[in-house]
C-alpha cells in the first residue's frame, strides 16, 4: 500500500500539528487534555478550507505558529 504524497503546504500543516502535540507533552499532566482539545479544535475549525486557498492556509500557518510560540511559554500552565 502506497502512502499519498502531500503538498508542501500539507506537510507544513502536519508539521505544525506535530509540534503542537510535542509541546503539549511538556505541559502539566492535569492540563494536557485541555491543550490537546484546544489544538484539535483549532485545526478542525479550518478543515473546510480549500486546499487551493494558499493565502488562507499560509495565514493560518503563521497564526498557528505564533499561538504555539505563545502557549509554549513555561508560564502558560493551562488553557480553556
PDB file of N, CA and C in Angstrom:
ATOM      1  N   UNK A   1       0.844  -1.173   0.000  1.00  0.00           N
ATOM      2  CA  UNK A   1       0.000   0.000   0.000  1.00  0.00           C
ATOM      3  C   UNK A   1       0.898   1.246   0.000  1.00  0.00           C
ATOM      4  N   UNK A   2       0.643   2.176  -0.916  1.00  0.00           N
ATOM      5  CA  UNK A   2       1.433   3.405  -1.015  1.00  0.00           C
ATOM      6  C   UNK A   2       0.761   4.529  -0.244  1.00  0.00           C
ATOM      7  N   UNK A   3       1.606   5.311   0.398  1.00  0.00           N
ATOM      8  CA  UNK A   3       1.106   6.488   1.107  1.00  0.00           C
ATOM      9  C   UNK A   3       0.893   7.606   0.088  1.00  0.00           C
ATOM     10  N   UNK A   4      -0.135   8.398   0.311  1.00  0.00           N
ATOM     11  CA  UNK A   4      -0.392   9.521  -0.582  1.00  0.00           C
ATOM     12  C   UNK A   4       0.691  10.577  -0.372  1.00  0.00           C
ATOM     13  N   UNK A   5       1.083  11.216  -1.445  1.00  0.00           N
ATOM     14  CA  UNK A   5       2.057  12.294  -1.334  1.00  0.00           C
ATOM     15  C   UNK A   5       1.331  13.570  -0.931  1.00  0.00           C
ATOM     16  N   UNK A   6       1.938  14.288  -0.026  1.00  0.00           N
ATOM     17  CA  UNK A   6       1.350  15.546   0.422  1.00  0.00           C
ATOM     18  C   UNK A   6       2.057  16.717  -0.239  1.00  0.00           C
ATOM     19  N   UNK A   7       1.305  17.789  -0.439  1.00  0.00           N
ATOM     20  CA  UNK A   7       1.891  19.019  -0.981  1.00  0.00           C
ATOM     21  C   UNK A   7       2.754  19.658   0.102  1.00  0.00           C
ATOM     22  N   UNK A   8       3.518  20.651  -0.283  1.00  0.00           N
ATOM     23  CA  UNK A   8       4.358  21.352   0.680  1.00  0.00           C
ATOM     24  C   UNK A   8       3.551  21.971   1.804  1.00  0.00           C
ATOM     25  N   UNK A   9       2.427  22.598   1.451  1.00  0.00           N
ATOM     26  CA  UNK A   9       1.585  23.218   2.483  1.00  0.00           C
ATOM     27  C   UNK A   9       0.976  22.175   3.413  1.00  0.00           C
ATOM     28  N   UNK A  10       0.562  21.041   2.850  1.00  0.00           N
ATOM     29  CA  UNK A  10       0.003  19.979   3.685  1.00  0.00           C
ATOM     30  C   UNK A  10       1.054  19.480   4.672  1.00  0.00           C
ATOM     31  N   UNK A  11       2.304  19.347   4.204  1.00  0.00           N
ATOM     32  CA  UNK A  11       3.388  18.918   5.088  1.00  0.00           C
ATOM     33  C   UNK A  11       3.619  19.951   6.196  1.00  0.00           C
ATOM     34  N   UNK A  12       3.507  21.239   5.851  1.00  0.00           N
ATOM     35  CA  UNK A  12       3.683  22.288   6.861  1.00  0.00           C
ATOM     36  C   UNK A  12       2.585  22.226   7.917  1.00  0.00           C
ATOM     37  N   UNK A  13       1.354  21.974   7.485  1.00  0.00           N
ATOM     38  CA  UNK A  13       0.238  21.875   8.427  1.00  0.00           C
ATOM     39  C   UNK A  13       0.456  20.679   9.357  1.00  0.00           C
ATOM     40  N   UNK A  14       0.827  19.547   8.783  1.00  0.00           N
ATOM     41  CA  UNK A  14       1.080  18.357   9.604  1.00  0.00           C
ATOM     42  C   UNK A  14       2.238  18.592  10.564  1.00  0.00           C
ATOM     43  N   UNK A  15       3.255  19.281  10.101  1.00  0.00           N
ATOM     44  CA  UNK A  15       4.410  19.591  10.938  1.00  0.00           C
ATOM     45  C   UNK A  15       3.998  20.476  12.114  1.00  0.00           C
ATOM     46  N   UNK A  16       3.180  21.482  11.853  1.00  0.00           N
ATOM     47  CA  UNK A  16       2.704  22.362  12.920  1.00  0.00           C
ATOM     48  C   UNK A  16       1.889  21.561  13.936  1.00  0.00           C
ATOM     49  N   UNK A  17       1.040  20.650  13.464  1.00  0.00           N
ATOM     50  CA  UNK A  17       0.225  19.840  14.365  1.00  0.00           C
ATOM     51  C   UNK A  17       1.122  18.964  15.244  1.00  0.00           C
ATOM     52  N   UNK A  18       2.147  18.352  14.633  1.00  0.00           N
ATOM     53  CA  UNK A  18       3.081  17.526  15.407  1.00  0.00           C
ATOM     54  C   UNK A  18       3.829  18.356  16.449  1.00  0.00           C
ATOM     55  N   UNK A  19       4.219  19.578  16.073  1.00  0.00           N
ATOM     56  CA  UNK A  19       4.897  20.469  17.036  1.00  0.00           C
ATOM     57  C   UNK A  19       3.975  20.779  18.204  1.00  0.00           C
ATOM     58  N   UNK A  20       2.695  20.996  17.907  1.00  0.00           N
ATOM     59  CA  UNK A  20       1.716  21.254  18.970  1.00  0.00           C
ATOM     60  C   UNK A  20       1.642  20.062  19.921  1.00  0.00           C
ATOM     61  N   UNK A  21       1.548  18.859  19.351  1.00  0.00           N
ATOM     62  CA  UNK A  21       1.449  17.662  20.189  1.00  0.00           C
ATOM     63  C   UNK A  21       2.704  17.472  21.028  1.00  0.00           C
ATOM     64  N   UNK A  22       3.889  17.753  20.448  1.00  0.00           N
ATOM     65  CA  UNK A  22       5.140  17.645  21.199  1.00  0.00           C
ATOM     66  C   UNK A  22       5.168  18.636  22.358  1.00  0.00           C
ATOM     67  N   UNK A  23       4.713  19.840  22.091  1.00  0.00           N
ATOM     68  CA  UNK A  23       4.721  20.874  23.121  1.00  0.00           C
ATOM     69  C   UNK A  23       3.750  20.525  24.244  1.00  0.00           C
ATOM     70  N   UNK A  24       2.631  19.897  23.911  1.00  0.00           N
ATOM     71  CA  UNK A  24       1.638  19.515  24.919  1.00  0.00           C
ATOM     72  C   UNK A  24       2.258  18.560  25.936  1.00  0.00           C
ATOM     73  N   UNK A  25       3.197  17.722  25.484  1.00  0.00           N
ATOM     74  CA  UNK A  25       3.841  16.774  26.403  1.00  0.00           C
ATOM     75  C   UNK A  25       4.602  17.470  27.524  1.00  0.00           C
ATOM     76  N   UNK A  26       4.985  18.740  27.309  1.00  0.00           N
ATOM     77  CA  UNK A  26       5.741  19.488  28.318  1.00  0.00           C
ATOM     78  C   UNK A  26       4.836  20.170  29.340  1.00  0.00           C
ATOM     79  N   UNK A  27       3.554  20.156  29.101  1.00  0.00           N
ATOM     80  CA  UNK A  27       2.611  20.846  29.983  1.00  0.00           C
ATOM     81  C   UNK A  27       2.271  19.957  31.181  1.00  0.00           C
ATOM     82  N   UNK A  28       1.768  20.571  32.272  1.00  0.00           N
ATOM     83  CA  UNK A  28       1.389  19.770  33.450  1.00  0.00           C
ATOM     84  C   UNK A  28       0.335  18.723  33.087  1.00  0.00           C
ATOM     85  N   UNK A  29       0.448  17.578  33.713  1.00  0.00           N
ATOM     86  CA  UNK A  29      -0.440  16.452  33.420  1.00  0.00           C
ATOM     87  C   UNK A  29      -1.911  16.846  33.468  1.00  0.00           C
ATOM     88  N   UNK A  30      -2.271  17.643  34.473  1.00  0.00           N
ATOM     89  CA  UNK A  30      -3.691  17.979  34.653  1.00  0.00           C
ATOM     90  C   UNK A  30      -4.235  18.894  33.562  1.00  0.00           C
ATOM     91  N   UNK A  31      -3.369  19.532  32.789  1.00  0.00           N
ATOM     92  CA  UNK A  31      -3.874  20.439  31.746  1.00  0.00           C
ATOM     93  C   UNK A  31      -3.609  19.938  30.323  1.00  0.00           C
ATOM     94  N   UNK A  32      -2.957  18.797  30.179  1.00  0.00           N
ATOM     95  CA  UNK A  32      -2.648  18.273  28.836  1.00  0.00           C
ATOM     96  C   UNK A  32      -3.909  18.084  28.001  1.00  0.00           C
ATOM     97  N   UNK A  33      -4.963  17.566  28.637  1.00  0.00           N
ATOM     98  CA  UNK A  33      -6.205  17.324  27.901  1.00  0.00           C
ATOM     99  C   UNK A  33      -6.770  18.629  27.339  1.00  0.00           C
ATOM    100  N   UNK A  34      -6.719  19.689  28.122  1.00  0.00           N
ATOM    101  CA  UNK A  34      -7.231  20.992  27.669  1.00  0.00           C
ATOM    102  C   UNK A  34      -6.439  21.503  26.467  1.00  0.00           C
ATOM    103  N   UNK A  35      -5.122  21.383  26.538  1.00  0.00           N
ATOM    104  CA  UNK A  35      -4.281  21.844  25.425  1.00  0.00           C
ATOM    105  C   UNK A  35      -4.556  21.015  24.168  1.00  0.00           C
ATOM    106  N   UNK A  36      -4.691  19.692  24.359  1.00  0.00           N
ATOM    107  CA  UNK A  36      -4.929  18.816  23.203  1.00  0.00           C
ATOM    108  C   UNK A  36      -6.284  19.126  22.566  1.00  0.00           C
ATOM    109  N   UNK A  37      -7.298  19.331  23.386  1.00  0.00           N
ATOM    110  CA  UNK A  37      -8.632  19.667  22.868  1.00  0.00           C
ATOM    111  C   UNK A  37      -8.598  20.989  22.116  1.00  0.00           C
ATOM    112  N   UNK A  38      -7.880  21.970  22.667  1.00  0.00           N
ATOM    113  CA  UNK A  38      -7.778  23.278  22.023  1.00  0.00           C
ATOM    114  C   UNK A  38      -7.090  23.141  20.663  1.00  0.00           C
ATOM    115  N   UNK A  39      -5.958  22.438  20.633  1.00  0.00           N
ATOM    116  CA  UNK A  39      -5.216  22.278  19.378  1.00  0.00           C
ATOM    117  C   UNK A  39      -6.082  21.574  18.334  1.00  0.00           C
ATOM    118  N   UNK A  40      -6.727  20.495  18.731  1.00  0.00           N
ATOM    119  CA  UNK A  40      -7.570  19.748  17.806  1.00  0.00           C
ATOM    120  C   UNK A  40      -8.699  20.614  17.265  1.00  0.00           C
ATOM    121  N   UNK A  41      -9.353  21.372  18.139  1.00  0.00           N
ATOM    122  CA  UNK A  41     -10.479  22.193  17.686  1.00  0.00           C
ATOM    123  C   UNK A  41     -10.011  23.306  16.748  1.00  0.00           C
ATOM    124  N   UNK A  42      -8.817  23.871  17.002  1.00  0.00           N
ATOM    125  CA  UNK A  42      -8.292  24.912  16.119  1.00  0.00           C
ATOM    126  C   UNK A  42      -8.039  24.358  14.713  1.00  0.00           C
ATOM    127  N   UNK A  43      -7.491  23.153  14.632  1.00  0.00           N
ATOM    128  CA  UNK A  43      -7.238  22.552  13.318  1.00  0.00           C
ATOM    129  C   UNK A  43      -8.549  22.134  12.650  1.00  0.00           C
ATOM    130  N   UNK A  44      -9.459  21.535  13.418  1.00  0.00           N
ATOM    131  CA  UNK A  44     -10.736  21.080  12.839  1.00  0.00           C
ATOM    132  C   UNK A  44     -11.592  22.250  12.359  1.00  0.00           C
ATOM    133  N   UNK A  45     -11.480  23.381  13.044  1.00  0.00           N
ATOM    134  CA  UNK A  45     -12.264  24.566  12.697  1.00  0.00           C
ATOM    135  C   UNK A  45     -12.003  24.995  11.244  1.00  0.00           C
ATOM    136  N   UNK A  46     -10.817  24.711  10.749  1.00  0.00           N
ATOM    137  CA  UNK A  46     -10.417  25.196   9.429  1.00  0.00           C
ATOM    138  C   UNK A  46     -10.265  24.083   8.388  1.00  0.00           C
ATOM    139  N   UNK A  47     -10.791  22.911   8.687  1.00  0.00           N
ATOM    140  CA  UNK A  47     -10.650  21.785   7.752  1.00  0.00           C
ATOM    141  C   UNK A  47     -11.414  22.000   6.452  1.00  0.00           C
ATOM    142  N   UNK A  48     -12.399  22.861   6.476  1.00  0.00           N
ATOM    143  CA  UNK A  48     -13.221  23.060   5.273  1.00  0.00           C
ATOM    144  C   UNK A  48     -12.558  23.989   4.261  1.00  0.00           C
ATOM    145  N   UNK A  49     -11.448  24.593   4.620  1.00  0.00           N
ATOM    146  CA  UNK A  49     -10.752  25.490   3.692  1.00  0.00           C
ATOM    147  C   UNK A  49     -10.237  24.682   2.504  1.00  0.00           C
ATOM    148  N   UNK A  50     -10.407  25.221   1.325  1.00  0.00           N
ATOM    149  CA  UNK A  50      -9.952  24.542   0.112  1.00  0.00           C
ATOM    150  C   UNK A  50      -8.435  24.391   0.124  1.00  0.00           C
ATOM    151  N   UNK A  51      -7.958  23.244  -0.353  1.00  0.00           N
ATOM    152  CA  UNK A  51      -6.514  23.007  -0.459  1.00  0.00           C
ATOM    153  C   UNK A  51      -5.853  24.014  -1.387  1.00  0.00           C
ATOM    154  N   UNK A  52      -6.647  24.646  -2.202  1.00  0.00           N
ATOM    155  CA  UNK A  52      -6.108  25.596  -3.174  1.00  0.00           C
ATOM    156  C   UNK A  52      -6.125  27.047  -2.673  1.00  0.00           C
ATOM    157  N   UNK A  53      -6.659  27.259  -1.484  1.00  0.00           N
ATOM    158  CA  UNK A  53      -6.697  28.605  -0.907  1.00  0.00           C
ATOM    159  C   UNK A  53      -5.384  28.863  -0.160  1.00  0.00           C
ATOM    160  N   UNK A  54      -4.323  29.028  -0.942  1.00  0.00           N
ATOM    161  CA  UNK A  54      -2.972  29.127  -0.381  1.00  0.00           C
ATOM    162  C   UNK A  54      -2.822  30.302   0.576  1.00  0.00           C
ATOM    163  N   UNK A  55      -3.416  31.431   0.238  1.00  0.00           N
ATOM    164  CA  UNK A  55      -3.317  32.615   1.093  1.00  0.00           C
ATOM    165  C   UNK A  55      -3.868  32.355   2.484  1.00  0.00           C
ATOM    166  N   UNK A  56      -5.047  31.762   2.542  1.00  0.00           N
ATOM    167  CA  UNK A  56      -5.682  31.480   3.831  1.00  0.00           C
ATOM    168  C   UNK A  56      -4.866  30.455   4.615  1.00  0.00           C
ATOM    169  N   UNK A  57      -4.384  29.434   3.940  1.00  0.00           N
ATOM    170  CA  UNK A  57      -3.606  28.391   4.617  1.00  0.00           C
ATOM    171  C   UNK A  57      -2.308  28.970   5.170  1.00  0.00           C
ATOM    172  N   UNK A  58      -1.632  29.785   4.356  1.00  0.00           N
ATOM    173  CA  UNK A  58      -0.379  30.388   4.826  1.00  0.00           C
ATOM    174  C   UNK A  58      -0.636  31.319   6.008  1.00  0.00           C
ATOM    175  N   UNK A  59      -1.728  32.076   5.954  1.00  0.00           N
ATOM    176  CA  UNK A  59      -2.086  32.953   7.066  1.00  0.00           C
ATOM    177  C   UNK A  59      -2.324  32.139   8.341  1.00  0.00           C
ATOM    178  N   UNK A  60      -3.094  31.054   8.217  1.00  0.00           N
ATOM    179  CA  UNK A  60      -3.397  30.228   9.384  1.00  0.00           C
ATOM    180  C   UNK A  60      -2.152  29.534   9.925  1.00  0.00           C
ATOM    181  N   UNK A  61      -1.225  29.162   9.033  1.00  0.00           N
ATOM    182  CA  UNK A  61       0.035  28.571   9.496  1.00  0.00           C
ATOM    183  C   UNK A  61       0.830  29.582  10.322  1.00  0.00           C
ATOM    184  N   UNK A  62       0.887  30.828   9.848  1.00  0.00           N
ATOM    185  CA  UNK A  62       1.604  31.865  10.599  1.00  0.00           C
ATOM    186  C   UNK A  62       0.921  32.116  11.945  1.00  0.00           C
ATOM    187  N   UNK A  63      -0.407  32.214  11.913  1.00  0.00           N
ATOM    188  CA  UNK A  63      -1.176  32.441  13.142  1.00  0.00           C
ATOM    189  C   UNK A  63      -0.963  31.280  14.127  1.00  0.00           C
ATOM    190  N   UNK A  64      -1.022  30.068  13.610  1.00  0.00           N
ATOM    191  CA  UNK A  64      -0.830  28.888  14.454  1.00  0.00           C
ATOM    192  C   UNK A  64       0.567  28.828  15.043  1.00  0.00           C
ATOM    193  N   UNK A  65       1.562  29.213  14.259  1.00  0.00           N
ATOM    194  CA  UNK A  65       2.942  29.220  14.758  1.00  0.00           C
ATOM    195  C   UNK A  65       3.102  30.241  15.881  1.00  0.00           C
ATOM    196  N   UNK A  66       2.479  31.397  15.706  1.00  0.00           N
ATOM    197  CA  UNK A  66       2.547  32.423  16.762  1.00  0.00           C
ATOM    198  C   UNK A  66       1.840  31.939  18.029  1.00  0.00           C
ATOM    199  N   UNK A  67       0.677  31.288  17.851  1.00  0.00           N
ATOM    200  CA  UNK A  67      -0.040  30.771  19.023  1.00  0.00           C
ATOM    201  C   UNK A  67       0.798  29.706  19.725  1.00  0.00           C
ATOM    202  N   UNK A  68       1.422  28.827  18.945  1.00  0.00           N
ATOM    203  CA  UNK A  68       2.244  27.766  19.533  1.00  0.00           C
ATOM    204  C   UNK A  68       3.388  28.384  20.327  1.00  0.00           C
ATOM    205  N   UNK A  69       4.007  29.393  19.758  1.00  0.00           N
ATOM    206  CA  UNK A  69       5.118  30.061  20.446  1.00  0.00           C
ATOM    207  C   UNK A  69       4.631  30.663  21.771  1.00  0.00           C
ATOM    208  N   UNK A  70       3.469  31.290  21.721  1.00  0.00           N
ATOM    209  CA  UNK A  70       2.920  31.914  22.924  1.00  0.00           C
ATOM    210  C   UNK A  70       2.581  30.861  23.985  1.00  0.00           C
ATOM    211  N   UNK A  71       1.886  29.797  23.577  1.00  0.00           N
ATOM    212  CA  UNK A  71       1.460  28.777  24.531  1.00  0.00           C
ATOM    213  C   UNK A  71       2.606  27.882  24.986  1.00  0.00           C
ATOM    214  N   UNK A  72       3.746  27.940  24.291  1.00  0.00           N
ATOM    215  CA  UNK A  72       4.911  27.145  24.677  1.00  0.00           C
ATOM    216  C   UNK A  72       5.600  27.714  25.908  1.00  0.00           C
ATOM    217  N   UNK A  73       5.297  28.950  26.238  1.00  0.00           N
ATOM    218  CA  UNK A  73       5.910  29.596  27.391  1.00  0.00           C
ATOM    219  C   UNK A  73       5.658  28.768  28.645  1.00  0.00           C
ATOM    220  N   UNK A  74       6.716  28.559  29.444  1.00  0.00           N
ATOM    221  CA  UNK A  74       6.536  27.778  30.690  1.00  0.00           C
ATOM    222  C   UNK A  74       5.526  28.408  31.640  1.00  0.00           C
ATOM    223  N   UNK A  75       5.293  29.709  31.532  1.00  0.00           N
ATOM    224  CA  UNK A  75       4.334  30.375  32.397  1.00  0.00           C
ATOM    225  C   UNK A  75       2.890  30.035  32.095  1.00  0.00           C
ATOM    226  N   UNK A  76       2.626  29.565  30.879  1.00  0.00           N
ATOM    227  CA  UNK A  76       1.269  29.172  30.484  1.00  0.00           C
ATOM    228  C   UNK A  76       1.086  27.712  30.906  1.00  0.00           C
ATOM    229  N   UNK A  77       0.292  27.523  31.955  1.00  0.00           N
ATOM    230  CA  UNK A  77       0.161  26.176  32.513  1.00  0.00           C
ATOM    231  C   UNK A  77      -1.177  25.514  32.195  1.00  0.00           C
ATOM    232  N   UNK A  78      -2.124  26.312  31.698  1.00  0.00           N
ATOM    233  CA  UNK A  78      -3.422  25.727  31.350  1.00  0.00           C
ATOM    234  C   UNK A  78      -4.096  26.605  30.309  1.00  0.00           C
ATOM    235  N   UNK A  79      -5.089  26.054  29.653  1.00  0.00           N
ATOM    236  CA  UNK A  79      -5.845  26.741  28.609  1.00  0.00           C
ATOM    237  C   UNK A  79      -7.295  26.307  28.744  1.00  0.00           C
ATOM    238  N   UNK A  80      -8.209  27.148  28.317  1.00  0.00           N
ATOM    239  CA  UNK A  80      -9.634  26.776  28.402  1.00  0.00           C
ATOM    240  C   UNK A  80     -10.242  26.709  27.048  1.00  0.00           C
TER     241      UNK A  80
END
